[in-house]
Amino acid sequence: MRIDKLLWFLRLAKTRPIAQHLAEEGHMRLNGRRIDRAHQKVAAGDVLTISIAGSVRVIEVLSLPDRRGPYSEAVGCYRVLDGRPVDPIAAPESNDA
């Protein structure tokens, strides 16, 4: 699966063009190697280091999603390795007041 499509399916990017831009900017690593193109292939078991919203996230891809489904479905496809919970851009907002 392409890296831009994966970021969009996992809800780490709000739109696919934003995901393409993230990949092409070169601020992302796949298994320790810098990515500079949106069509880079990703497989289950790969480790992504992503700079999102001013912070760096490290995730392991557990499975490749079939679609851009709900948030609960997307988070089941990866595991956070950096010890912090992922705060994806497109996550549903909680209305805790």
N, C-alpha and C. Protein backbone atom coordinates (compact mmCIF):
# COMPACT_ATOMS: atom_id res chain seq x y z
N MET A 1 0.85 -1.17 0.00
CA MET A 1 0.00 0.00 0.00
C MET A 1 0.90 1.24 0.00
N ARG A 2 0.47 2.27 -0.67
CA ARG A 2 1.21 3.54 -0.72
C ARG A 2 1.18 4.22 0.65
N ILE A 3 2.26 4.92 0.99
CA ILE A 3 2.36 5.59 2.30
C ILE A 3 1.30 6.68 2.45
N ASP A 4 1.01 7.44 1.39
CA ASP A 4 0.01 8.50 1.51
C ASP A 4 -1.37 7.93 1.76
N LYS A 5 -1.69 6.85 1.09
CA LYS A 5 -3.00 6.21 1.29
C LYS A 5 -3.10 5.63 2.70
N LEU A 6 -2.01 5.04 3.18
CA LEU A 6 -2.01 4.48 4.53
C LEU A 6 -2.24 5.56 5.58
N LEU A 7 -1.54 6.70 5.46
CA LEU A 7 -1.71 7.79 6.43
C LEU A 7 -3.15 8.28 6.44
N TRP A 8 -3.76 8.34 5.28
CA TRP A 8 -5.14 8.79 5.17
C TRP A 8 -6.09 7.74 5.75
N PHE A 9 -5.88 6.47 5.42
CA PHE A 9 -6.73 5.39 5.95
C PHE A 9 -6.61 5.29 7.47
N LEU A 10 -5.41 5.51 8.02
CA LEU A 10 -5.21 5.41 9.46
C LEU A 10 -5.64 6.67 10.20
N ARG A 11 -6.13 7.64 9.47
CA ARG A 11 -6.61 8.90 10.04
C ARG A 11 -5.49 9.71 10.70
N LEU A 12 -4.28 9.56 10.19
CA LEU A 12 -3.16 10.37 10.66
C LEU A 12 -3.04 11.64 9.82
N ALA A 13 -3.79 11.70 8.72
CA ALA A 13 -3.88 12.89 7.88
C ALA A 13 -5.35 13.09 7.53
N LYS A 14 -5.78 14.33 7.54
CA LYS A 14 -7.20 14.63 7.33
C LYS A 14 -7.64 14.35 5.89
N THR A 15 -6.75 14.63 4.91
CA THR A 15 -7.07 14.38 3.51
C THR A 15 -5.90 13.67 2.84
N ARG A 16 -6.15 13.07 1.70
CA ARG A 16 -5.07 12.40 0.99
C ARG A 16 -4.04 13.38 0.45
N PRO A 17 -4.43 14.55 -0.07
CA PRO A 17 -3.40 15.51 -0.49
C PRO A 17 -2.49 15.95 0.67
N ILE A 18 -3.03 16.06 1.87
CA ILE A 18 -2.19 16.39 3.03
C ILE A 18 -1.23 15.24 3.31
N ALA A 19 -1.71 14.01 3.18
CA ALA A 19 -0.85 12.84 3.38
C ALA A 19 0.25 12.80 2.32
N GLN A 20 -0.06 13.14 1.08
CA GLN A 20 0.94 13.18 0.02
C GLN A 20 1.99 14.24 0.34
N HIS A 21 1.55 15.38 0.81
CA HIS A 21 2.48 16.46 1.16
C HIS A 21 3.41 16.03 2.30
N LEU A 22 2.86 15.37 3.32
CA LEU A 22 3.68 14.89 4.43
C LEU A 22 4.77 13.95 3.94
N ALA A 23 4.40 13.04 3.04
CA ALA A 23 5.37 12.07 2.52
C ALA A 23 6.44 12.75 1.65
N GLU A 24 6.05 13.70 0.84
CA GLU A 24 6.98 14.35 -0.08
C GLU A 24 7.89 15.36 0.59
N GLU A 25 7.52 15.84 1.75
CA GLU A 25 8.35 16.81 2.48
C GLU A 25 9.62 16.18 3.04
N GLY A 26 9.63 14.87 3.19
CA GLY A 26 10.82 14.19 3.68
C GLY A 26 10.98 14.19 5.19
N HIS A 27 9.92 14.49 5.92
CA HIS A 27 9.97 14.52 7.38
C HIS A 27 9.42 13.23 7.98
N MET A 28 9.56 12.13 7.25
CA MET A 28 9.03 10.86 7.67
C MET A 28 10.07 9.78 7.38
N ARG A 29 10.08 8.76 8.24
CA ARG A 29 11.00 7.63 8.04
C ARG A 29 10.23 6.33 8.05
N LEU A 30 10.64 5.43 7.19
CA LEU A 30 10.07 4.09 7.11
C LEU A 30 11.19 3.11 7.41
N ASN A 31 11.07 2.42 8.54
CA ASN A 31 12.11 1.49 8.99
C ASN A 31 13.48 2.17 9.05
N GLY A 32 13.49 3.42 9.48
CA GLY A 32 14.74 4.17 9.65
C GLY A 32 15.24 4.87 8.40
N ARG A 33 14.60 4.65 7.27
CA ARG A 33 15.03 5.29 6.02
C ARG A 33 14.09 6.43 5.67
N ARG A 34 14.66 7.55 5.25
CA ARG A 34 13.87 8.74 4.92
C ARG A 34 12.98 8.49 3.70
N ILE A 35 11.76 8.98 3.78
CA ILE A 35 10.79 8.89 2.68
C ILE A 35 10.70 10.26 2.03
N ASP A 36 10.72 10.30 0.70
CA ASP A 36 10.57 11.58 0.01
C ASP A 36 9.60 11.49 -1.16
N ARG A 37 8.79 10.43 -1.16
CA ARG A 37 7.80 10.29 -2.23
C ARG A 37 6.53 9.64 -1.68
N ALA A 38 5.40 10.06 -2.21
CA ALA A 38 4.10 9.61 -1.71
C ALA A 38 3.77 8.18 -2.11
N HIS A 39 4.43 7.66 -3.13
CA HIS A 39 4.10 6.31 -3.59
C HIS A 39 4.99 5.23 -2.96
N GLN A 40 5.71 5.58 -1.90
CA GLN A 40 6.54 4.60 -1.18
C GLN A 40 5.65 3.48 -0.64
N LYS A 41 6.03 2.25 -0.86
CA LYS A 41 5.23 1.10 -0.42
C LYS A 41 5.45 0.82 1.06
N VAL A 42 4.37 0.47 1.75
CA VAL A 42 4.39 0.14 3.18
C VAL A 42 3.71 -1.22 3.35
N ALA A 43 4.23 -2.03 4.27
CA ALA A 43 3.65 -3.35 4.54
C ALA A 43 3.45 -3.50 6.04
N ALA A 44 2.68 -4.50 6.42
CA ALA A 44 2.48 -4.81 7.84
C ALA A 44 3.84 -5.17 8.45
N GLY A 45 4.08 -4.67 9.66
CA GLY A 45 5.34 -4.90 10.34
C GLY A 45 6.32 -3.75 10.19
N ASP A 46 6.05 -2.81 9.28
CA ASP A 46 6.93 -1.66 9.09
C ASP A 46 6.76 -0.67 10.24
N VAL A 47 7.83 0.06 10.53
CA VAL A 47 7.82 1.08 11.58
C VAL A 47 7.92 2.45 10.92
N LEU A 48 6.96 3.33 11.25
CA LEU A 48 6.93 4.69 10.70
C LEU A 48 7.27 5.70 11.79
N THR A 49 8.13 6.64 11.45
CA THR A 49 8.41 7.77 12.31
C THR A 49 7.86 8.99 11.58
N ILE A 50 6.88 9.65 12.18
CA ILE A 50 6.14 10.71 11.52
C ILE A 50 6.17 11.97 12.36
N SER A 51 6.41 13.10 11.71
CA SER A 51 6.33 14.39 12.38
C SER A 51 4.95 14.98 12.09
N ILE A 52 4.10 15.01 13.13
CA ILE A 52 2.73 15.50 12.99
C ILE A 52 2.47 16.55 14.05
N ALA A 53 1.98 17.69 13.61
CA ALA A 53 1.56 18.76 14.52
C ALA A 53 2.64 19.12 15.54
N GLY A 54 3.87 19.22 15.09
CA GLY A 54 4.96 19.65 15.96
C GLY A 54 5.53 18.60 16.88
N SER A 55 5.08 17.36 16.76
CA SER A 55 5.64 16.29 17.58
C SER A 55 6.00 15.10 16.69
N VAL A 56 6.83 14.25 17.20
CA VAL A 56 7.26 13.08 16.45
C VAL A 56 6.59 11.85 17.03
N ARG A 57 6.00 11.05 16.17
CA ARG A 57 5.31 9.82 16.57
C ARG A 57 5.98 8.64 15.91
N VAL A 58 6.11 7.55 16.64
CA VAL A 58 6.66 6.31 16.11
C VAL A 58 5.58 5.25 16.24
N ILE A 59 5.18 4.68 15.11
CA ILE A 59 4.13 3.66 15.11
C ILE A 59 4.59 2.44 14.32
N GLU A 60 4.06 1.28 14.70
CA GLU A 60 4.29 0.06 13.95
C GLU A 60 2.98 -0.30 13.25
N VAL A 61 3.05 -0.57 11.97
CA VAL A 61 1.86 -0.96 11.21
C VAL A 61 1.59 -2.43 11.48
N LEU A 62 0.46 -2.73 12.10
CA LEU A 62 0.09 -4.11 12.42
C LEU A 62 -0.61 -4.79 11.26
N SER A 63 -1.48 -4.05 10.59
CA SER A 63 -2.19 -4.59 9.43
C SER A 63 -2.55 -3.42 8.51
N LEU A 64 -2.75 -3.73 7.25
CA LEU A 64 -3.12 -2.72 6.27
C LEU A 64 -4.65 -2.63 6.20
N PRO A 65 -5.19 -1.44 6.41
CA PRO A 65 -6.65 -1.29 6.36
C PRO A 65 -7.17 -1.41 4.93
N ASP A 66 -8.41 -1.84 4.79
CA ASP A 66 -9.04 -1.96 3.48
C ASP A 66 -9.70 -0.66 3.03
N ARG A 67 -9.97 0.21 4.01
CA ARG A 67 -10.70 1.44 3.71
C ARG A 67 -10.40 2.48 4.78
N ARG A 68 -10.87 3.69 4.56
CA ARG A 68 -10.80 4.73 5.59
C ARG A 68 -12.08 4.62 6.41
N GLY A 69 -12.01 3.80 7.42
CA GLY A 69 -13.17 3.55 8.26
C GLY A 69 -13.21 4.46 9.46
N PRO A 70 -14.00 4.11 10.45
CA PRO A 70 -14.09 4.93 11.65
C PRO A 70 -12.78 4.90 12.44
N TYR A 71 -12.62 5.85 13.32
CA TYR A 71 -11.40 6.00 14.12
C TYR A 71 -11.08 4.71 14.88
N SER A 72 -12.09 4.09 15.47
CA SER A 72 -11.86 2.88 16.25
C SER A 72 -11.29 1.75 15.39
N GLU A 73 -11.68 1.69 14.15
CA GLU A 73 -11.16 0.68 13.22
C GLU A 73 -9.72 1.02 12.82
N ALA A 74 -9.44 2.29 12.63
CA ALA A 74 -8.11 2.73 12.19
C ALA A 74 -7.05 2.47 13.26
N VAL A 75 -7.34 2.75 14.53
CA VAL A 75 -6.34 2.58 15.58
C VAL A 75 -6.00 1.11 15.84
N GLY A 76 -6.84 0.21 15.39
CA GLY A 76 -6.54 -1.21 15.52
C GLY A 76 -5.51 -1.71 14.53
N CYS A 77 -5.16 -0.87 13.57
CA CYS A 77 -4.22 -1.27 12.52
C CYS A 77 -2.78 -0.88 12.83
N TYR A 78 -2.54 -0.15 13.93
CA TYR A 78 -1.17 0.23 14.27
C TYR A 78 -0.98 0.23 15.78
N ARG A 79 0.28 0.22 16.19
CA ARG A 79 0.64 0.25 17.61
C ARG A 79 1.63 1.38 17.82
N VAL A 80 1.42 2.16 18.86
CA VAL A 80 2.29 3.29 19.18
C VAL A 80 3.54 2.75 19.89
N LEU A 81 4.71 3.12 19.39
CA LEU A 81 5.97 2.65 19.96
C LEU A 81 6.69 3.70 20.79
N ASP A 82 6.29 4.95 20.69
CA ASP A 82 7.01 6.01 21.40
C ASP A 82 6.49 6.25 22.81
N GLY A 83 5.54 5.46 23.28
CA GLY A 83 5.07 5.57 24.65
C GLY A 83 4.01 6.61 24.89
N ARG A 84 3.71 7.43 23.90
CA ARG A 84 2.67 8.45 24.04
C ARG A 84 1.45 8.04 23.23
N PRO A 85 0.27 8.40 23.69
CA PRO A 85 -0.90 8.09 22.88
C PRO A 85 -0.89 8.93 21.60
N VAL A 86 -1.34 8.35 20.52
CA VAL A 86 -1.40 9.08 19.26
C VAL A 86 -2.57 10.04 19.30
N ASP A 87 -2.32 11.26 18.88
CA ASP A 87 -3.35 12.28 18.80
C ASP A 87 -3.49 12.66 17.33
N PRO A 88 -4.11 11.79 16.53
CA PRO A 88 -4.16 12.02 15.09
C PRO A 88 -4.94 13.28 14.74
N ILE A 89 -4.60 13.82 13.61
CA ILE A 89 -5.22 15.05 13.13
C ILE A 89 -6.72 14.86 12.94
N ALA A 90 -7.12 13.72 12.40
CA ALA A 90 -8.51 13.50 12.04
C ALA A 90 -9.31 12.72 13.09
N ALA A 91 -8.79 12.63 14.31
CA ALA A 91 -9.49 11.89 15.36
C ALA A 91 -10.78 12.62 15.75
N PRO A 92 -11.79 11.88 16.14
CA PRO A 92 -13.02 12.53 16.57
C PRO A 92 -12.76 13.33 17.85
N GLU A 93 -13.38 14.47 17.91
CA GLU A 93 -13.20 15.34 19.08
C GLU A 93 -14.10 14.87 20.21
N SER A 94 -13.58 14.88 21.42
CA SER A 94 -14.40 14.53 22.57
C SER A 94 -15.05 15.79 23.10
N ASN A 95 -16.23 15.65 23.60
CA ASN A 95 -16.97 16.79 24.11
C ASN A 95 -16.95 16.82 25.63
N ASP A 96 -15.80 16.55 26.22
CA ASP A 96 -15.67 16.59 27.67
C ASP A 96 -15.60 18.04 28.12
N ALA A 97 -16.53 18.40 28.95
CA ALA A 97 -16.55 19.81 29.40
C ALA A 97 -16.50 19.88 30.90
